[in-house]
């Protein structure tokens, strides 16, 4: 699921360089990924890799703020996560 399902920035919107305010970096988009085991037994050593395009044409497309997990999983944070500390 993506919340919101579609995001369109207003034509007049411009990113504010160096700002630490979230709203100056664009509209919040949240992606939720769920991994389910359909089998009758538990599984271990499962890896889910996601490739998220953070740049397009040398410009920031998506600014990655945080990663979270539920259910005792671990998550490796990519380099550049919340690089501007907003």
PDB file of N, CA and C in Angstrom:
ATOM      1  N   UNK A   1       0.835  -1.185   0.000  1.00  0.00           N
ATOM      2  CA  UNK A   1       0.000   0.000   0.000  1.00  0.00           C
ATOM      3  C   UNK A   1       0.876   1.244   0.000  1.00  0.00           C
ATOM      4  N   UNK A   2       0.439   2.252  -0.664  1.00  0.00           N
ATOM      5  CA  UNK A   2       1.088   3.559  -0.605  1.00  0.00           C
ATOM      6  C   UNK A   2       0.067   4.566  -0.107  1.00  0.00           C
ATOM      7  N   UNK A   3       0.498   5.403   0.816  1.00  0.00           N
ATOM      8  CA  UNK A   3      -0.393   6.416   1.358  1.00  0.00           C
ATOM      9  C   UNK A   3       0.226   7.782   1.137  1.00  0.00           C
ATOM     10  N   UNK A   4      -0.313   8.663   0.366  1.00  0.00           N
ATOM     11  CA  UNK A   4      -1.486   8.481  -0.488  1.00  0.00           C
ATOM     12  C   UNK A   4      -1.151   7.626  -1.707  1.00  0.00           C
ATOM     13  N   UNK A   5      -2.174   7.100  -2.360  1.00  0.00           N
ATOM     14  CA  UNK A   5      -1.974   6.236  -3.524  1.00  0.00           C
ATOM     15  C   UNK A   5      -1.328   6.996  -4.675  1.00  0.00           C
ATOM     16  N   UNK A   6      -1.680   8.258  -4.838  1.00  0.00           N
ATOM     17  CA  UNK A   6      -1.114   9.109  -5.884  1.00  0.00           C
ATOM     18  C   UNK A   6      -0.700  10.436  -5.260  1.00  0.00           C
ATOM     19  N   UNK A   7       0.476  10.908  -5.623  1.00  0.00           N
ATOM     20  CA  UNK A   7       0.957  12.188  -5.114  1.00  0.00           C
ATOM     21  C   UNK A   7       1.363  13.066  -6.278  1.00  0.00           C
ATOM     22  N   UNK A   8       0.826  14.276  -6.327  1.00  0.00           N
ATOM     23  CA  UNK A   8       1.181  15.239  -7.367  1.00  0.00           C
ATOM     24  C   UNK A   8       1.572  16.535  -6.667  1.00  0.00           C
ATOM     25  N   UNK A   9       2.799  16.983  -6.914  1.00  0.00           N
ATOM     26  CA  UNK A   9       3.238  18.240  -6.318  1.00  0.00           C
ATOM     27  C   UNK A   9       2.664  19.409  -7.096  1.00  0.00           C
ATOM     28  N   UNK A  10       2.286  20.477  -6.415  1.00  0.00           N
ATOM     29  CA  UNK A  10       1.823  21.665  -7.130  1.00  0.00           C
ATOM     30  C   UNK A  10       2.949  22.217  -8.005  1.00  0.00           C
ATOM     31  N   UNK A  11       2.605  22.773  -9.146  1.00  0.00           N
ATOM     32  CA  UNK A  11       3.594  23.324 -10.071  1.00  0.00           C
ATOM     33  C   UNK A  11       4.440  24.393  -9.391  1.00  0.00           C
ATOM     34  N   UNK A  12       3.851  25.146  -8.478  1.00  0.00           N
ATOM     35  CA  UNK A  12       4.552  26.252  -7.827  1.00  0.00           C
ATOM     36  C   UNK A  12       5.447  25.813  -6.665  1.00  0.00           C
ATOM     37  N   UNK A  13       5.431  24.517  -6.287  1.00  0.00           N
ATOM     38  CA  UNK A  13       6.206  24.057  -5.138  1.00  0.00           C
ATOM     39  C   UNK A  13       7.682  23.961  -5.490  1.00  0.00           C
ATOM     40  N   UNK A  14       8.536  24.424  -4.566  1.00  0.00           N
ATOM     41  CA  UNK A  14       9.984  24.314  -4.725  1.00  0.00           C
ATOM     42  C   UNK A  14      10.582  23.832  -3.415  1.00  0.00           C
ATOM     43  N   UNK A  15      11.532  22.933  -3.519  1.00  0.00           N
ATOM     44  CA  UNK A  15      12.231  22.431  -2.345  1.00  0.00           C
ATOM     45  C   UNK A  15      13.080  23.551  -1.758  1.00  0.00           C
ATOM     46  N   UNK A  16      13.115  23.638  -0.430  1.00  0.00           N
ATOM     47  CA  UNK A  16      13.920  24.643   0.258  1.00  0.00           C
ATOM     48  C   UNK A  16      15.227  23.979   0.675  1.00  0.00           C
ATOM     49  N   UNK A  17      16.301  24.316  -0.011  1.00  0.00           N
ATOM     50  CA  UNK A  17      17.607  23.718   0.267  1.00  0.00           C
ATOM     51  C   UNK A  17      18.052  24.010   1.696  1.00  0.00           C
ATOM     52  N   UNK A  18      18.580  22.995   2.365  1.00  0.00           N
ATOM     53  CA  UNK A  18      19.129  23.158   3.703  1.00  0.00           C
ATOM     54  C   UNK A  18      18.106  23.217   4.814  1.00  0.00           C
ATOM     55  N   UNK A  19      16.826  23.178   4.494  1.00  0.00           N
ATOM     56  CA  UNK A  19      15.787  23.252   5.519  1.00  0.00           C
ATOM     57  C   UNK A  19      15.703  21.939   6.288  1.00  0.00           C
ATOM     58  N   UNK A  20      15.368  22.027   7.567  1.00  0.00           N
ATOM     59  CA  UNK A  20      15.158  20.837   8.394  1.00  0.00           C
ATOM     60  C   UNK A  20      13.667  20.596   8.652  1.00  0.00           C
ATOM     61  N   UNK A  21      12.819  21.352   7.972  1.00  0.00           N
ATOM     62  CA  UNK A  21      11.369  21.163   8.101  1.00  0.00           C
ATOM     63  C   UNK A  21      10.910  20.143   7.063  1.00  0.00           C
ATOM     64  N   UNK A  22      10.156  19.140   7.494  1.00  0.00           N
ATOM     65  CA  UNK A  22       9.694  18.083   6.587  1.00  0.00           C
ATOM     66  C   UNK A  22       8.907  18.633   5.407  1.00  0.00           C
ATOM     67  N   UNK A  23       8.037  19.600   5.654  1.00  0.00           N
ATOM     68  CA  UNK A  23       7.178  20.122   4.588  1.00  0.00           C
ATOM     69  C   UNK A  23       7.970  20.850   3.501  1.00  0.00           C
ATOM     70  N   UNK A  24       9.204  21.258   3.793  1.00  0.00           N
ATOM     71  CA  UNK A  24      10.044  21.906   2.783  1.00  0.00           C
ATOM     72  C   UNK A  24      10.715  20.896   1.854  1.00  0.00           C
ATOM     73  N   UNK A  25      10.556  19.607   2.165  1.00  0.00           N
ATOM     74  CA  UNK A  25      11.148  18.553   1.343  1.00  0.00           C
ATOM     75  C   UNK A  25      10.111  17.843   0.483  1.00  0.00           C
ATOM     76  N   UNK A  26       8.858  18.247   0.584  1.00  0.00           N
ATOM     77  CA  UNK A  26       7.813  17.665  -0.251  1.00  0.00           C
ATOM     78  C   UNK A  26       6.704  17.035   0.559  1.00  0.00           C
ATOM     79  N   UNK A  27       5.828  16.357  -0.135  1.00  0.00           N
ATOM     80  CA  UNK A  27       4.669  15.716   0.473  1.00  0.00           C
ATOM     81  C   UNK A  27       5.071  14.336   0.991  1.00  0.00           C
ATOM     82  N   UNK A  28       4.608  13.995   2.188  1.00  0.00           N
ATOM     83  CA  UNK A  28       4.939  12.704   2.780  1.00  0.00           C
ATOM     84  C   UNK A  28       4.267  11.582   2.001  1.00  0.00           C
ATOM     85  N   UNK A  29       5.053  10.580   1.642  1.00  0.00           N
ATOM     86  CA  UNK A  29       4.554   9.369   0.996  1.00  0.00           C
ATOM     87  C   UNK A  29       5.037   8.201   1.838  1.00  0.00           C
ATOM     88  N   UNK A  30       4.129   7.336   2.241  1.00  0.00           N
ATOM     89  CA  UNK A  30       4.484   6.203   3.088  1.00  0.00           C
ATOM     90  C   UNK A  30       4.219   4.908   2.340  1.00  0.00           C
ATOM     91  N   UNK A  31       5.223   4.035   2.304  1.00  0.00           N
ATOM     92  CA  UNK A  31       5.082   2.726   1.669  1.00  0.00           C
ATOM     93  C   UNK A  31       5.079   1.662   2.761  1.00  0.00           C
ATOM     94  N   UNK A  32       4.137   0.731   2.681  1.00  0.00           N
ATOM     95  CA  UNK A  32       4.040  -0.361   3.641  1.00  0.00           C
ATOM     96  C   UNK A  32       4.176  -1.670   2.876  1.00  0.00           C
ATOM     97  N   UNK A  33       5.170  -2.471   3.253  1.00  0.00           N
ATOM     98  CA  UNK A  33       5.390  -3.771   2.621  1.00  0.00           C
ATOM     99  C   UNK A  33       5.160  -4.849   3.667  1.00  0.00           C
ATOM    100  N   UNK A  34       4.437  -5.892   3.280  1.00  0.00           N
ATOM    101  CA  UNK A  34       4.165  -6.994   4.192  1.00  0.00           C
ATOM    102  C   UNK A  34       4.657  -8.286   3.567  1.00  0.00           C
ATOM    103  N   UNK A  35       5.327  -9.099   4.368  1.00  0.00           N
ATOM    104  CA  UNK A  35       5.839 -10.390   3.932  1.00  0.00           C
ATOM    105  C   UNK A  35       5.129 -11.457   4.754  1.00  0.00           C
ATOM    106  N   UNK A  36       4.408 -12.355   4.079  1.00  0.00           N
ATOM    107  CA  UNK A  36       3.619 -13.378   4.767  1.00  0.00           C
ATOM    108  C   UNK A  36       4.125 -14.772   4.424  1.00  0.00           C
ATOM    109  N   UNK A  37       4.066 -15.657   5.396  1.00  0.00           N
ATOM    110  CA  UNK A  37       4.409 -17.063   5.205  1.00  0.00           C
ATOM    111  C   UNK A  37       3.107 -17.835   5.044  1.00  0.00           C
ATOM    112  N   UNK A  38       2.885 -18.440   3.876  1.00  0.00           N
ATOM    113  CA  UNK A  38       1.649 -19.192   3.635  1.00  0.00           C
ATOM    114  C   UNK A  38       1.742 -20.643   4.100  1.00  0.00           C
ATOM    115  N   UNK A  39       2.922 -21.070   4.499  1.00  0.00           N
ATOM    116  CA  UNK A  39       3.099 -22.465   4.891  1.00  0.00           C
ATOM    117  C   UNK A  39       2.682 -22.738   6.324  1.00  0.00           C
ATOM    118  N   UNK A  40       2.595 -24.015   6.683  1.00  0.00           N
ATOM    119  CA  UNK A  40       2.173 -24.378   8.032  1.00  0.00           C
ATOM    120  C   UNK A  40       3.296 -24.239   9.067  1.00  0.00           C
ATOM    121  N   UNK A  41       4.549 -24.116   8.635  1.00  0.00           N
ATOM    122  CA  UNK A  41       5.651 -24.022   9.592  1.00  0.00           C
ATOM    123  C   UNK A  41       6.335 -22.661   9.484  1.00  0.00           C
ATOM    124  N   UNK A  42       7.188 -22.387  10.443  1.00  0.00           N
ATOM    125  CA  UNK A  42       7.907 -21.117  10.449  1.00  0.00           C
ATOM    126  C   UNK A  42       9.070 -21.158   9.462  1.00  0.00           C
ATOM    127  N   UNK A  43       9.549 -20.011   9.102  1.00  0.00           N
ATOM    128  CA  UNK A  43      10.709 -19.903   8.213  1.00  0.00           C
ATOM    129  C   UNK A  43      11.779 -19.072   8.913  1.00  0.00           C
ATOM    130  N   UNK A  44      13.013 -19.258   8.485  1.00  0.00           N
ATOM    131  CA  UNK A  44      14.108 -18.460   9.036  1.00  0.00           C
ATOM    132  C   UNK A  44      15.033 -18.043   7.905  1.00  0.00           C
ATOM    133  N   UNK A  45      15.877 -17.086   8.185  1.00  0.00           N
ATOM    134  CA  UNK A  45      16.848 -16.583   7.208  1.00  0.00           C
ATOM    135  C   UNK A  45      16.188 -16.113   5.911  1.00  0.00           C
ATOM    136  N   UNK A  46      15.113 -15.377   6.033  1.00  0.00           N
ATOM    137  CA  UNK A  46      14.429 -14.818   4.867  1.00  0.00           C
ATOM    138  C   UNK A  46      14.949 -13.399   4.640  1.00  0.00           C
ATOM    139  N   UNK A  47      15.234 -13.076   3.398  1.00  0.00           N
ATOM    140  CA  UNK A  47      15.717 -11.741   3.055  1.00  0.00           C
ATOM    141  C   UNK A  47      14.764 -11.095   2.069  1.00  0.00           C
ATOM    142  N   UNK A  48      14.359  -9.882   2.369  1.00  0.00           N
ATOM    143  CA  UNK A  48      13.538  -9.076   1.467  1.00  0.00           C
ATOM    144  C   UNK A  48      14.365  -7.859   1.094  1.00  0.00           C
ATOM    145  N   UNK A  49      14.637  -7.699  -0.190  1.00  0.00           N
ATOM    146  CA  UNK A  49      15.418  -6.551  -0.661  1.00  0.00           C
ATOM    147  C   UNK A  49      14.515  -5.644  -1.473  1.00  0.00           C
ATOM    148  N   UNK A  50      14.544  -4.375  -1.144  1.00  0.00           N
ATOM    149  CA  UNK A  50      13.751  -3.384  -1.865  1.00  0.00           C
ATOM    150  C   UNK A  50      14.694  -2.358  -2.482  1.00  0.00           C
ATOM    151  N   UNK A  51      14.457  -2.046  -3.733  1.00  0.00           N
ATOM    152  CA  UNK A  51      15.216  -0.993  -4.405  1.00  0.00           C
ATOM    153  C   UNK A  51      14.274   0.188  -4.587  1.00  0.00           C
ATOM    154  N   UNK A  52      14.586   1.279  -3.932  1.00  0.00           N
ATOM    155  CA  UNK A  52      13.738   2.470  -3.974  1.00  0.00           C
ATOM    156  C   UNK A  52      14.484   3.567  -4.722  1.00  0.00           C
ATOM    157  N   UNK A  53      13.909   4.075  -5.811  1.00  0.00           N
ATOM    158  CA  UNK A  53      14.592   5.146  -6.551  1.00  0.00           C
ATOM    159  C   UNK A  53      14.528   6.456  -5.760  1.00  0.00           C
ATOM    160  N   UNK A  54      15.660   6.885  -5.244  1.00  0.00           N
ATOM    161  CA  UNK A  54      15.663   8.113  -4.455  1.00  0.00           C
ATOM    162  C   UNK A  54      16.040   9.334  -5.287  1.00  0.00           C
ATOM    163  N   UNK A  55      16.633   9.122  -6.470  1.00  0.00           N
ATOM    164  CA  UNK A  55      17.032  10.233  -7.331  1.00  0.00           C
ATOM    165  C   UNK A  55      16.555   9.979  -8.756  1.00  0.00           C
ATOM    166  N   UNK A  56      16.292  11.066  -9.466  1.00  0.00           N
ATOM    167  CA  UNK A  56      15.889  10.995 -10.866  1.00  0.00           C
ATOM    168  C   UNK A  56      16.517  12.180 -11.579  1.00  0.00           C
ATOM    169  N   UNK A  57      17.327  11.906 -12.583  1.00  0.00           N
ATOM    170  CA  UNK A  57      17.985  12.987 -13.313  1.00  0.00           C
ATOM    171  C   UNK A  57      18.891  13.829 -12.438  1.00  0.00           C
ATOM    172  N   UNK A  58      19.533  13.193 -11.434  1.00  0.00           N
ATOM    173  CA  UNK A  58      20.427  13.920 -10.544  1.00  0.00           C
ATOM    174  C   UNK A  58      19.736  14.722  -9.460  1.00  0.00           C
ATOM    175  N   UNK A  59      18.417  14.668  -9.404  1.00  0.00           N
ATOM    176  CA  UNK A  59      17.655  15.416  -8.393  1.00  0.00           C
ATOM    177  C   UNK A  59      16.950  14.448  -7.451  1.00  0.00           C
ATOM    178  N   UNK A  60      16.668  14.914  -6.242  1.00  0.00           N
ATOM    179  CA  UNK A  60      16.001  14.081  -5.244  1.00  0.00           C
ATOM    180  C   UNK A  60      14.584  13.782  -5.700  1.00  0.00           C
ATOM    181  N   UNK A  61      14.236  12.503  -5.748  1.00  0.00           N
ATOM    182  CA  UNK A  61      12.887  12.067  -6.095  1.00  0.00           C
ATOM    183  C   UNK A  61      12.124  11.710  -4.820  1.00  0.00           C
ATOM    184  N   UNK A  62      12.713  10.843  -4.012  1.00  0.00           N
ATOM    185  CA  UNK A  62      12.150  10.459  -2.721  1.00  0.00           C
ATOM    186  C   UNK A  62      13.236  10.631  -1.669  1.00  0.00           C
ATOM    187  N   UNK A  63      12.899  11.300  -0.573  1.00  0.00           N
ATOM    188  CA  UNK A  63      13.838  11.494   0.520  1.00  0.00           C
ATOM    189  C   UNK A  63      13.493  10.472   1.589  1.00  0.00           C
ATOM    190  N   UNK A  64      14.388   9.519   1.829  1.00  0.00           N
ATOM    191  CA  UNK A  64      14.125   8.430   2.762  1.00  0.00           C
ATOM    192  C   UNK A  64      14.381   8.880   4.194  1.00  0.00           C
ATOM    193  N   UNK A  65      13.321   8.846   5.014  1.00  0.00           N
ATOM    194  CA  UNK A  65      13.422   9.309   6.397  1.00  0.00           C
ATOM    195  C   UNK A  65      13.689   8.195   7.387  1.00  0.00           C
ATOM    196  N   UNK A  66      12.932   7.113   7.284  1.00  0.00           N
ATOM    197  CA  UNK A  66      13.062   6.067   8.293  1.00  0.00           C
ATOM    198  C   UNK A  66      12.591   4.727   7.758  1.00  0.00           C
ATOM    199  N   UNK A  67      13.058   3.677   8.414  1.00  0.00           N
ATOM    200  CA  UNK A  67      12.617   2.317   8.133  1.00  0.00           C
ATOM    201  C   UNK A  67      12.158   1.720   9.449  1.00  0.00           C
ATOM    202  N   UNK A  68      11.117   0.916   9.397  1.00  0.00           N
ATOM    203  CA  UNK A  68      10.631   0.286  10.609  1.00  0.00           C
ATOM    204  C   UNK A  68      10.207  -1.143  10.336  1.00  0.00           C
ATOM    205  N   UNK A  69      10.246  -1.955  11.369  1.00  0.00           N
ATOM    206  CA  UNK A  69       9.818  -3.346  11.243  1.00  0.00           C
ATOM    207  C   UNK A  69       8.912  -3.701  12.411  1.00  0.00           C
ATOM    208  N   UNK A  70       8.160  -4.768  12.239  1.00  0.00           N
ATOM    209  CA  UNK A  70       7.329  -5.319  13.306  1.00  0.00           C
ATOM    210  C   UNK A  70       7.562  -6.820  13.344  1.00  0.00           C
ATOM    211  N   UNK A  71       7.383  -7.427  14.485  1.00  0.00           N
ATOM    212  CA  UNK A  71       7.440  -8.871  14.580  1.00  0.00           C
ATOM    213  C   UNK A  71       8.828  -9.458  14.734  1.00  0.00           C
ATOM    214  N   UNK A  72       9.750  -8.738  15.326  1.00  0.00           N
ATOM    215  CA  UNK A  72      11.063  -9.293  15.627  1.00  0.00           C
ATOM    216  C   UNK A  72      12.019  -9.386  14.455  1.00  0.00           C
ATOM    217  N   UNK A  73      11.763  -8.660  13.395  1.00  0.00           N
ATOM    218  CA  UNK A  73      12.671  -8.672  12.247  1.00  0.00           C
ATOM    219  C   UNK A  73      13.738  -7.608  12.422  1.00  0.00           C
ATOM    220  N   UNK A  74      14.838  -7.797  11.709  1.00  0.00           N
ATOM    221  CA  UNK A  74      15.870  -6.767  11.713  1.00  0.00           C
ATOM    222  C   UNK A  74      15.913  -6.116  10.343  1.00  0.00           C
ATOM    223  N   UNK A  75      16.393  -4.898  10.309  1.00  0.00           N
ATOM    224  CA  UNK A  75      16.398  -4.131   9.074  1.00  0.00           C
ATOM    225  C   UNK A  75      17.732  -3.408   8.958  1.00  0.00           C
ATOM    226  N   UNK A  76      18.392  -3.544   7.812  1.00  0.00           N
ATOM    227  CA  UNK A  76      19.642  -2.827   7.569  1.00  0.00           C
ATOM    228  C   UNK A  76      19.312  -1.491   6.930  1.00  0.00           C
ATOM    229  N   UNK A  77      19.772  -0.423   7.537  1.00  0.00           N
ATOM    230  CA  UNK A  77      19.493   0.914   7.014  1.00  0.00           C
ATOM    231  C   UNK A  77      20.467   1.251   5.900  1.00  0.00           C
ATOM    232  N   UNK A  78      19.950   1.734   4.780  1.00  0.00           N
ATOM    233  CA  UNK A  78      20.821   2.063   3.646  1.00  0.00           C
ATOM    234  C   UNK A  78      21.627   3.328   3.919  1.00  0.00           C
ATOM    235  N   UNK A  79      22.769   3.473   3.251  1.00  0.00           N
ATOM    236  CA  UNK A  79      23.506   4.725   3.392  1.00  0.00           C
ATOM    237  C   UNK A  79      22.660   5.882   2.863  1.00  0.00           C
ATOM    238  N   UNK A  80      22.755   7.019   3.501  1.00  0.00           N
ATOM    239  CA  UNK A  80      22.000   8.184   3.050  1.00  0.00           C
ATOM    240  C   UNK A  80      20.621   8.303   3.661  1.00  0.00           C
ATOM    241  N   UNK A  81      20.259   7.406   4.572  1.00  0.00           N
ATOM    242  CA  UNK A  81      18.950   7.480   5.221  1.00  0.00           C
ATOM    243  C   UNK A  81      18.886   8.750   6.069  1.00  0.00           C
ATOM    244  N   UNK A  82      17.934   9.624   5.761  1.00  0.00           N
ATOM    245  CA  UNK A  82      17.754  10.908   6.440  1.00  0.00           C
ATOM    246  C   UNK A  82      19.067  11.692   6.506  1.00  0.00           C
ATOM    247  N   UNK A  83      19.714  11.812   5.366  1.00  0.00           N
ATOM    248  CA  UNK A  83      21.029  12.461   5.280  1.00  0.00           C
ATOM    249  C   UNK A  83      21.012  13.913   5.746  1.00  0.00           C
ATOM    250  N   UNK A  84      19.897  14.606   5.574  1.00  0.00           N
ATOM    251  CA  UNK A  84      19.822  16.018   5.965  1.00  0.00           C
ATOM    252  C   UNK A  84      19.257  16.215   7.363  1.00  0.00           C
ATOM    253  N   UNK A  85      19.034  15.102   8.086  1.00  0.00           N
ATOM    254  CA  UNK A  85      18.568  15.134   9.476  1.00  0.00           C
ATOM    255  C   UNK A  85      17.315  15.982   9.667  1.00  0.00           C
ATOM    256  N   UNK A  86      16.303  15.741   8.817  1.00  0.00           N
ATOM    257  CA  UNK A  86      15.040  16.467   8.977  1.00  0.00           C
ATOM    258  C   UNK A  86      14.114  15.699   9.889  1.00  0.00           C
TER     259      UNK A  86
END
